[in-house]
Amino acid sequence: MKLEAGSKKLFFVVCLVFLASDDVFAQSIFKGFESLFTPPLSYVVHHINSAIVIDGDMNEPAWQQAEWTSSFTDIEGSLRPSPKYNTQVKMLWGDTCLYIAAHLTEPQVWATLKQHDQVIFNDNDFEVFVNPDGTSHHYYEIEFNALNTVFDLYMAKPYRNGGSALIPFNLSGLRSAVKVDGTLNNPADADQGWTVEMAIPFRDLSLGDNVQIPVDGQVWRINFSRVEWDTKVENGRNIRLTDDKGHRLPEHNWVWSAQGVVNMHYPERWGYLQFTKQDGPVAFVLPYSEQQKKYLWLIYYKQKQWFDKYHRYAVSLKQLGIVSRKVKIGNLLNTLSMEATAHQFMVFVSQQGGVGYHIDQDGFVQQTKTVK
C-alpha cells in the first residue's frame, strides 16, 4: 500500500497516539498499587563443582568470586528510611545444594534462643524465603540467629489465603554455621557483625519424589529478611525496648528485594534467582511469563480490595476498572479474561498462539493447559 505524504504523516500520528494510549492505559489500571509493582531484584547464581565447607567463613575461592547482592533496604522500600546497619548475601549452587552466605553488620551481636523451631525472630535474625516453582504456594522459610539456632517451616499457601505454618516440617539435610566477628552476648564491647553460611539440599526443597534440581537458565523466587530490634543494656544483657505501657517497640524489617508491604508472605514480591552453569558474567533475563503474571496479580489485588468493600468478588473486569481485555505486554498483544462468582474467581492472561497463565482467589498461579 502506497501512502501520500499527508497520509503518511497522519498514519504516523495515529500510531503514536495508539501506542501512547496503551501506555496511559497500563499506568491507569495500576494506579493505587504502585508499591506492589516495583521491579523485584535479581541475582544470577553460578554453579560450582566442589562442595562448600559450611563453617561460617567465606574463604573458599568460589565465595571470593561470587557477587554480593545489593545492600538490604527497608521492607517497604523507598517509603521508609534506609537501614542503619548493612546486610548483604552471596549465593552459589552445586549438583545437590543451594549455598547461601550472609554478612550482617552489627555493633552488638546478641541471641538468646537455643531450641530448634523456637520463633527465632524474637531475637535479631536472618531469614530465607524460597519458592522454587514460582506459584506463590509451596514455599519455605528458614530463620537463623547468631547462636545458629534454626526455625524452618513449610507453607502450603500464604497466611493471607488461609495458610498456616507447618512447623514440624524440617529441612533434614540443612547444614549451617555462624561466625561472630566480636563477642556474642557481651554488650561491654563493640562487635563488627556476624556471618551465617548454609547449604540447603534441593531434595529438602522438593515435594514428594520430584526433586527440583535446577537447570541452566531456570528462575526461582527468593528473598531474604533481617529482623533487628532496638535494645538497651540492662544487667549486662541486651533487652528489647518497650513503650510507656510495657509493649515491645516494633522490630525493623530489612530485606534484599523490597516487598512494598510489611509482610514477607507475598511471594510474588520476592526477588528472582536465575541459575547458570556458564562461566563469567551472565545477564539476568526476566521470563516473559513474569511480565504476564503482573496483570494477574493486579486483578487479584483488585478483587481482594473489592471483596473487603462488598463482601463478594466482582464478576466482571469492568467492575474492577479494566475496560479493555486486550493489553500489550512487551511487544506482544495479550488477552485478559475472568470467570467469577461471589465467592471465587479465576483470571487468565494469554498471548495469541502462546502460553497462558491463570490465578485464583487463593493467589495460586499456574500455566493454563490448552485443550486440543
Protein backbone atom coordinates (compact mmCIF):
# COMPACT_ATOMS: atom_id res chain seq x y z
CA MET A 1 0.00 0.00 0.00
CA LYS A 2 1.40 3.38 -1.04
CA LEU A 3 0.69 6.40 1.11
CA GLU A 4 0.89 10.04 0.06
CA ALA A 5 3.00 12.38 2.21
CA GLY A 6 0.00 13.76 4.12
CA SER A 7 -1.42 10.29 4.67
CA LYS A 8 1.95 9.05 5.92
CA LYS A 9 2.06 11.86 8.48
CA LEU A 10 -1.49 11.13 9.63
CA PHE A 11 -0.73 7.40 9.85
CA PHE A 12 2.40 8.13 11.95
CA VAL A 13 0.45 10.39 14.33
CA VAL A 14 -2.32 7.82 14.73
CA CYS A 15 0.29 5.15 15.56
CA LEU A 16 1.89 7.38 18.19
CA VAL A 17 -1.49 8.13 19.74
CA PHE A 18 -2.33 4.42 19.80
CA LEU A 19 0.97 3.49 21.45
CA ALA A 20 0.67 6.34 23.94
CA SER A 21 -2.85 5.26 24.82
CA ASP A 22 -1.54 1.75 25.56
CA ASP A 23 0.99 3.25 27.97
CA VAL A 24 -1.60 5.50 29.63
CA PHE A 25 -3.97 2.54 29.96
CA ALA A 26 -1.28 0.41 31.62
CA GLN A 27 -0.41 3.21 34.04
CA SER A 28 -4.03 3.95 34.89
CA ILE A 29 -5.03 0.41 35.84
CA PHE A 30 -2.01 0.07 38.16
CA LYS A 31 -2.78 3.34 39.93
CA GLY A 32 -3.02 2.86 43.69
CA PHE A 33 -0.94 -0.32 43.61
CA GLU A 34 2.42 1.16 42.62
CA SER A 35 4.27 -0.08 45.72
CA LEU A 36 3.34 -3.66 44.86
CA PHE A 37 4.72 -3.44 41.34
CA THR A 38 8.20 -2.04 41.78
CA PRO A 39 10.52 -4.39 39.84
CA PRO A 40 11.90 -7.18 42.10
CA LEU A 41 15.68 -7.51 42.25
CA SER A 42 17.50 -10.38 40.59
CA TYR A 43 20.63 -12.46 41.20
CA VAL A 44 22.43 -14.82 38.81
CA VAL A 45 23.80 -17.72 40.85
CA HIS A 46 26.80 -19.62 39.44
CA HIS A 47 27.32 -23.36 39.53
CA ILE A 48 30.30 -24.93 41.32
CA ASN A 49 31.64 -28.47 41.01
CA SER A 50 33.05 -28.85 44.53
CA ALA A 51 31.06 -28.70 47.75
CA ILE A 52 31.46 -25.73 50.08
CA VAL A 53 32.69 -26.33 53.64
CA ILE A 54 30.00 -24.93 55.92
CA ASP A 55 31.94 -23.28 58.74
CA GLY A 56 30.77 -19.66 58.81
CA ASP A 57 33.79 -18.49 56.79
CA MET A 58 33.67 -17.39 53.18
CA ASN A 59 37.32 -18.07 52.44
CA GLU A 60 36.88 -20.56 49.55
CA PRO A 61 37.81 -19.20 46.10
CA ALA A 62 34.24 -19.83 44.92
CA TRP A 63 32.89 -17.44 47.58
CA GLN A 64 35.54 -14.87 46.70
CA GLN A 65 34.39 -14.92 43.08
CA ALA A 66 30.68 -14.77 43.88
CA GLU A 67 28.98 -11.38 43.71
CA TRP A 68 27.38 -9.71 46.69
CA THR A 69 23.76 -8.73 46.44
CA SER A 70 22.94 -5.08 46.84
CA SER A 71 22.60 -3.91 50.43
CA PHE A 72 19.30 -4.57 52.14
CA THR A 73 16.58 -1.94 52.18
CA ASP A 74 13.52 -1.40 54.34
CA ILE A 75 10.75 -3.90 53.65
CA GLU A 76 8.61 -1.06 52.27
CA GLY A 77 11.43 0.14 50.04
CA SER A 78 11.81 3.86 49.46
CA LEU A 79 8.74 4.59 51.59
CA ARG A 80 10.89 4.17 54.71
CA PRO A 81 14.42 5.23 55.80
CA SER A 82 17.37 3.09 54.79
CA PRO A 83 18.64 0.51 57.32
CA LYS A 84 21.27 1.75 59.77
CA TYR A 85 23.31 -1.47 59.50
CA ASN A 86 24.44 -3.16 56.30
CA THR A 87 23.34 -6.63 55.19
CA GLN A 88 24.42 -8.47 52.02
CA VAL A 89 24.22 -12.00 50.63
CA LYS A 90 26.16 -14.25 48.27
CA MET A 91 24.87 -17.42 46.61
CA LEU A 92 26.26 -20.45 44.77
CA TRP A 93 24.82 -23.77 43.69
CA GLY A 94 26.09 -27.28 43.14
CA ASP A 95 24.58 -30.53 41.94
CA THR A 96 22.78 -31.14 45.22
CA CYS A 97 22.61 -27.88 47.21
CA LEU A 98 21.94 -24.18 47.14
CA TYR A 99 24.62 -22.33 49.12
CA ILE A 100 23.85 -19.03 50.82
CA ALA A 101 26.11 -16.82 52.92
CA ALA A 102 25.06 -13.55 54.54
CA HIS A 103 27.03 -10.92 56.42
CA LEU A 104 25.18 -8.72 58.91
CA THR A 105 26.95 -5.65 60.26
CA GLU A 106 26.03 -5.37 63.94
CA PRO A 107 27.71 -3.41 66.78
CA GLN A 108 26.02 -5.58 69.43
CA VAL A 109 25.69 -9.25 68.46
CA TRP A 110 23.27 -11.00 70.81
CA ALA A 111 20.99 -14.03 70.80
CA THR A 112 19.01 -15.91 73.43
CA LEU A 113 17.01 -18.67 71.74
CA LYS A 114 18.69 -22.08 71.68
CA GLN A 115 15.94 -24.58 70.88
CA HIS A 116 15.19 -25.66 67.31
CA ASP A 117 11.92 -24.25 65.93
CA GLN A 118 11.55 -21.55 68.54
CA VAL A 119 10.30 -18.35 66.93
CA ILE A 120 13.74 -17.04 66.09
CA PHE A 121 12.63 -13.56 65.01
CA ASN A 122 12.14 -12.78 68.69
CA ASP A 123 15.92 -12.39 68.51
CA ASN A 124 17.74 -10.42 65.84
CA ASP A 125 17.77 -12.86 62.96
CA PHE A 126 18.44 -13.61 59.28
CA GLU A 127 15.68 -15.23 57.22
CA VAL A 128 15.49 -17.05 53.88
CA PHE A 129 12.30 -17.39 51.83
CA VAL A 130 12.32 -19.58 48.72
CA ASN A 131 9.61 -20.61 46.26
CA PRO A 132 11.12 -22.97 43.67
CA ASP A 133 8.12 -23.33 41.35
CA GLY A 134 7.04 -19.68 41.33
CA THR A 135 3.38 -20.48 42.05
CA SER A 136 3.35 -18.36 45.26
CA HIS A 137 2.38 -21.58 47.06
CA HIS A 138 4.56 -24.43 48.38
CA TYR A 139 7.38 -22.32 49.76
CA TYR A 140 9.90 -22.49 52.59
CA GLU A 141 11.09 -20.16 55.34
CA ILE A 142 14.30 -20.58 57.35
CA GLU A 143 15.38 -18.33 60.23
CA PHE A 144 18.77 -18.16 61.98
CA ASN A 145 20.03 -16.25 64.99
CA ALA A 146 23.64 -15.61 65.98
CA LEU A 147 23.66 -18.84 68.02
CA ASN A 148 22.91 -20.72 64.79
CA THR A 149 19.54 -21.80 66.16
CA VAL A 150 17.23 -22.68 63.27
CA PHE A 151 13.49 -22.23 62.74
CA ASP A 152 12.43 -23.93 59.48
CA LEU A 153 8.90 -24.26 58.17
CA TYR A 154 6.87 -25.05 55.09
CA MET A 155 3.91 -23.04 53.80
CA ALA A 156 1.36 -24.68 51.51
CA LYS A 157 -0.01 -21.20 50.82
CA PRO A 158 0.39 -17.73 52.34
CA TYR A 159 -1.33 -16.71 55.57
CA ARG A 160 -3.49 -14.22 53.66
CA ASN A 161 -5.06 -17.16 51.81
CA GLY A 162 -5.73 -19.25 54.90
CA GLY A 163 -2.34 -20.95 55.01
CA SER A 164 -0.64 -21.93 58.25
CA ALA A 165 2.97 -22.67 59.08
CA LEU A 166 3.89 -26.36 59.09
CA ILE A 167 6.42 -26.06 61.90
CA PRO A 168 7.05 -29.82 62.39
CA PHE A 169 8.49 -29.80 58.85
CA ASN A 170 12.30 -29.94 58.93
CA LEU A 171 14.94 -29.39 56.27
CA SER A 172 16.61 -32.63 57.29
CA GLY A 173 19.74 -32.08 55.23
CA LEU A 174 20.27 -28.40 56.08
CA ARG A 175 23.79 -27.53 57.20
CA SER A 176 24.57 -24.13 58.69
CA ALA A 177 27.24 -22.32 60.66
CA VAL A 178 27.61 -18.88 62.21
CA LYS A 179 30.78 -16.89 62.85
CA VAL A 180 30.65 -13.83 65.10
CA ASP A 181 33.12 -11.03 64.45
CA GLY A 182 33.25 -9.88 68.06
CA THR A 183 31.89 -11.32 71.30
CA LEU A 184 28.42 -12.81 71.45
CA ASN A 185 26.17 -11.50 74.25
CA ASN A 186 28.74 -9.11 75.66
CA PRO A 187 27.44 -5.53 75.48
CA ALA A 188 30.60 -4.27 77.15
CA ASP A 189 32.50 -4.32 73.86
CA ALA A 190 31.77 -3.32 70.27
CA ASP A 191 31.30 -6.02 67.62
CA GLN A 192 31.65 -5.91 63.85
CA GLY A 193 28.81 -8.27 62.98
CA TRP A 194 28.11 -11.90 62.16
CA THR A 195 28.11 -14.23 59.18
CA VAL A 196 25.73 -17.12 58.57
CA GLU A 197 26.56 -19.76 55.96
CA MET A 198 24.30 -22.60 54.84
CA ALA A 199 23.82 -25.45 52.40
CA ILE A 200 20.19 -26.23 51.54
CA PRO A 201 19.70 -29.55 49.72
CA PHE A 202 17.44 -29.37 46.69
CA ARG A 203 15.86 -32.58 47.98
CA ASP A 204 14.62 -30.66 51.02
CA LEU A 205 13.04 -28.02 48.77
CA SER A 206 11.05 -30.62 46.86
CA LEU A 207 7.67 -32.24 47.41
CA GLY A 208 7.28 -35.99 47.04
CA ASP A 209 9.75 -37.81 44.83
CA ASN A 210 10.11 -34.99 42.31
CA VAL A 211 13.47 -33.47 43.36
CA GLN A 212 13.66 -29.94 42.00
CA ILE A 213 17.25 -29.72 40.83
CA PRO A 214 17.63 -26.54 38.78
CA VAL A 215 18.76 -26.49 35.18
CA ASP A 216 20.76 -23.83 33.40
CA GLY A 217 18.67 -20.69 32.96
CA GLN A 218 15.89 -21.71 35.37
CA VAL A 219 14.39 -18.98 37.57
CA TRP A 220 13.17 -19.35 41.18
CA ARG A 221 11.72 -16.76 43.55
CA ILE A 222 13.74 -15.93 46.67
CA ASN A 223 14.06 -13.21 49.26
CA PHE A 224 15.90 -12.52 52.48
CA SER A 225 14.86 -10.66 55.59
CA ARG A 226 16.70 -9.33 58.61
CA VAL A 227 14.81 -8.62 61.83
CA GLU A 228 16.51 -6.03 64.03
CA TRP A 229 15.26 -4.96 67.46
CA ASP A 230 16.09 -1.72 69.25
CA THR A 231 17.68 -2.63 72.59
CA LYS A 232 19.21 -1.22 75.74
CA VAL A 233 21.77 -2.71 78.12
CA GLU A 234 20.28 -3.91 81.39
CA ASN A 235 22.11 -6.12 83.90
CA GLY A 236 24.76 -6.92 81.33
CA ARG A 237 22.26 -8.00 78.67
CA ASN A 238 20.69 -6.52 75.56
CA ILE A 239 17.00 -6.00 76.34
CA ARG A 240 14.42 -5.04 73.71
CA LEU A 241 12.97 -1.57 74.16
CA THR A 242 9.35 -1.09 75.20
CA ASP A 243 6.92 1.83 75.16
CA ASP A 244 5.49 3.51 78.27
CA LYS A 245 2.86 0.74 78.53
CA GLY A 246 5.43 -2.04 78.52
CA HIS A 247 4.74 -3.17 74.96
CA ARG A 248 7.74 -4.05 72.83
CA LEU A 249 8.63 -1.48 70.20
CA PRO A 250 8.12 -2.85 66.69
CA GLU A 251 11.08 -4.51 65.04
CA HIS A 252 12.90 -3.22 61.97
CA ASN A 253 12.36 -5.34 58.86
CA TRP A 254 15.17 -5.08 56.33
CA VAL A 255 15.08 -7.10 53.13
CA TRP A 256 17.01 -7.70 49.94
CA SER A 257 14.18 -7.06 47.45
CA ALA A 258 11.58 -4.61 48.75
CA GLN A 259 8.16 -6.11 49.41
CA GLY A 260 6.23 -2.83 49.23
CA VAL A 261 4.18 -4.05 52.21
CA VAL A 262 5.14 -5.06 55.76
CA ASN A 263 4.63 -8.74 55.07
CA MET A 264 7.20 -11.24 53.82
CA HIS A 265 4.46 -13.66 52.82
CA TYR A 266 3.83 -12.07 49.45
CA PRO A 267 5.96 -14.48 47.38
CA GLU A 268 5.09 -12.65 44.17
CA ARG A 269 7.14 -9.73 45.54
CA TRP A 270 10.31 -11.74 46.15
CA GLY A 271 13.42 -11.38 44.05
CA TYR A 272 14.43 -13.58 41.12
CA LEU A 273 17.15 -16.22 41.34
CA GLN A 274 18.49 -17.31 37.94
CA PHE A 275 20.68 -20.41 37.84
CA THR A 276 23.57 -20.64 35.40
CA LYS A 277 26.31 -23.11 34.53
CA GLN A 278 28.11 -20.62 32.34
CA ASP A 279 31.42 -19.05 33.32
CA GLY A 280 31.86 -15.32 33.59
CA PRO A 281 29.22 -12.60 33.78
CA VAL A 282 25.71 -13.69 32.83
CA ALA A 283 22.88 -11.20 32.39
CA PHE A 284 19.58 -11.86 34.10
CA VAL A 285 16.71 -12.38 31.66
CA LEU A 286 13.22 -11.75 33.00
CA PRO A 287 10.94 -14.53 31.74
CA TYR A 288 8.09 -13.26 29.60
CA SER A 289 5.71 -15.17 31.82
CA GLU A 290 6.62 -12.88 34.73
CA GLN A 291 5.52 -9.88 32.71
CA GLN A 292 2.21 -11.62 32.00
CA LYS A 293 1.70 -12.57 35.65
CA LYS A 294 1.94 -8.92 36.66
CA TYR A 295 -1.56 -8.43 35.25
CA LEU A 296 -2.85 -11.49 37.07
CA TRP A 297 -1.59 -10.08 40.36
CA LEU A 298 -3.11 -6.69 39.64
CA ILE A 299 -6.54 -8.21 39.17
CA TYR A 300 -6.02 -10.43 42.22
CA TYR A 301 -5.28 -7.34 44.38
CA LYS A 302 -8.26 -5.50 42.91
CA GLN A 303 -10.52 -8.46 43.64
CA LYS A 304 -9.34 -8.64 47.25
CA GLN A 305 -9.94 -4.92 47.60
CA TRP A 306 -13.43 -5.33 46.11
CA PHE A 307 -14.19 -8.23 48.47
CA ASP A 308 -13.12 -6.21 51.51
CA LYS A 309 -15.56 -3.49 50.48
CA TYR A 310 -18.55 -5.51 49.25
CA HIS A 311 -18.01 -8.95 50.87
CA ARG A 312 -18.13 -10.62 47.47
CA TYR A 313 -15.97 -10.73 44.37
CA ALA A 314 -16.55 -8.66 41.26
CA VAL A 315 -17.96 -10.72 38.41
CA SER A 316 -16.50 -8.67 35.55
CA LEU A 317 -13.23 -6.96 34.72
CA LYS A 318 -15.15 -3.76 34.00
CA GLN A 319 -16.28 -3.59 37.64
CA LEU A 320 -12.60 -3.59 38.57
CA GLY A 321 -11.84 -0.67 36.28
CA ILE A 322 -10.36 -2.73 33.44
CA VAL A 323 -12.26 -1.64 30.38
CA SER A 324 -10.17 -3.39 27.74
CA ARG A 325 -9.41 -7.11 27.70
CA LYS A 326 -6.51 -6.55 25.29
CA VAL A 327 -3.18 -5.49 26.81
CA LYS A 328 0.20 -5.08 25.21
CA ILE A 329 2.83 -6.87 27.32
CA GLY A 330 6.27 -6.15 25.97
CA ASN A 331 5.69 -6.04 22.22
CA LEU A 332 3.02 -8.73 22.20
CA LEU A 333 -0.74 -8.46 22.50
CA ASN A 334 -2.35 -10.49 25.28
CA THR A 335 -5.94 -11.13 26.31
CA LEU A 336 -7.28 -10.89 29.85
CA SER A 337 -10.35 -12.82 30.92
CA MET A 338 -12.05 -13.74 34.18
CA GLU A 339 -14.51 -16.30 35.46
CA ALA A 340 -16.04 -15.27 38.78
CA THR A 341 -18.83 -15.82 41.26
CA ALA A 342 -19.48 -14.00 44.51
CA HIS A 343 -17.10 -16.35 46.35
CA GLN A 344 -14.38 -17.38 43.91
CA PHE A 345 -12.65 -16.29 40.74
CA MET A 346 -10.07 -17.27 38.17
CA VAL A 347 -8.23 -14.77 35.98
CA PHE A 348 -6.47 -15.67 32.74
CA VAL A 349 -3.81 -13.98 30.63
CA SER A 350 -2.82 -15.43 27.28
CA GLN A 351 -0.80 -14.47 24.29
CA GLN A 352 -2.39 -15.42 20.99
CA GLY A 353 -0.84 -18.69 19.95
CA GLY A 354 1.41 -18.67 23.02
CA VAL A 355 1.48 -19.82 26.63
CA GLY A 356 -1.06 -18.51 29.10
CA TYR A 357 -1.33 -18.39 32.90
CA HIS A 358 -4.09 -18.07 35.45
CA ILE A 359 -4.55 -17.15 39.10
CA ASP A 360 -7.36 -17.98 41.53
CA GLN A 361 -8.74 -16.40 44.70
CA ASP A 362 -6.04 -18.16 46.75
CA GLY A 363 -3.29 -16.49 44.73
CA PHE A 364 -2.22 -19.81 43.17
CA VAL A 365 -0.55 -19.19 39.79
CA GLN A 366 -0.35 -21.92 37.18
CA GLN A 367 0.26 -22.32 33.49
CA THR A 368 -3.00 -22.71 31.61
CA LYS A 369 -3.27 -26.01 29.80
CA THR A 370 -4.76 -25.74 26.32
CA VAL A 371 -7.35 -28.26 25.28
CA LYS A 372 -6.64 -29.76 21.87
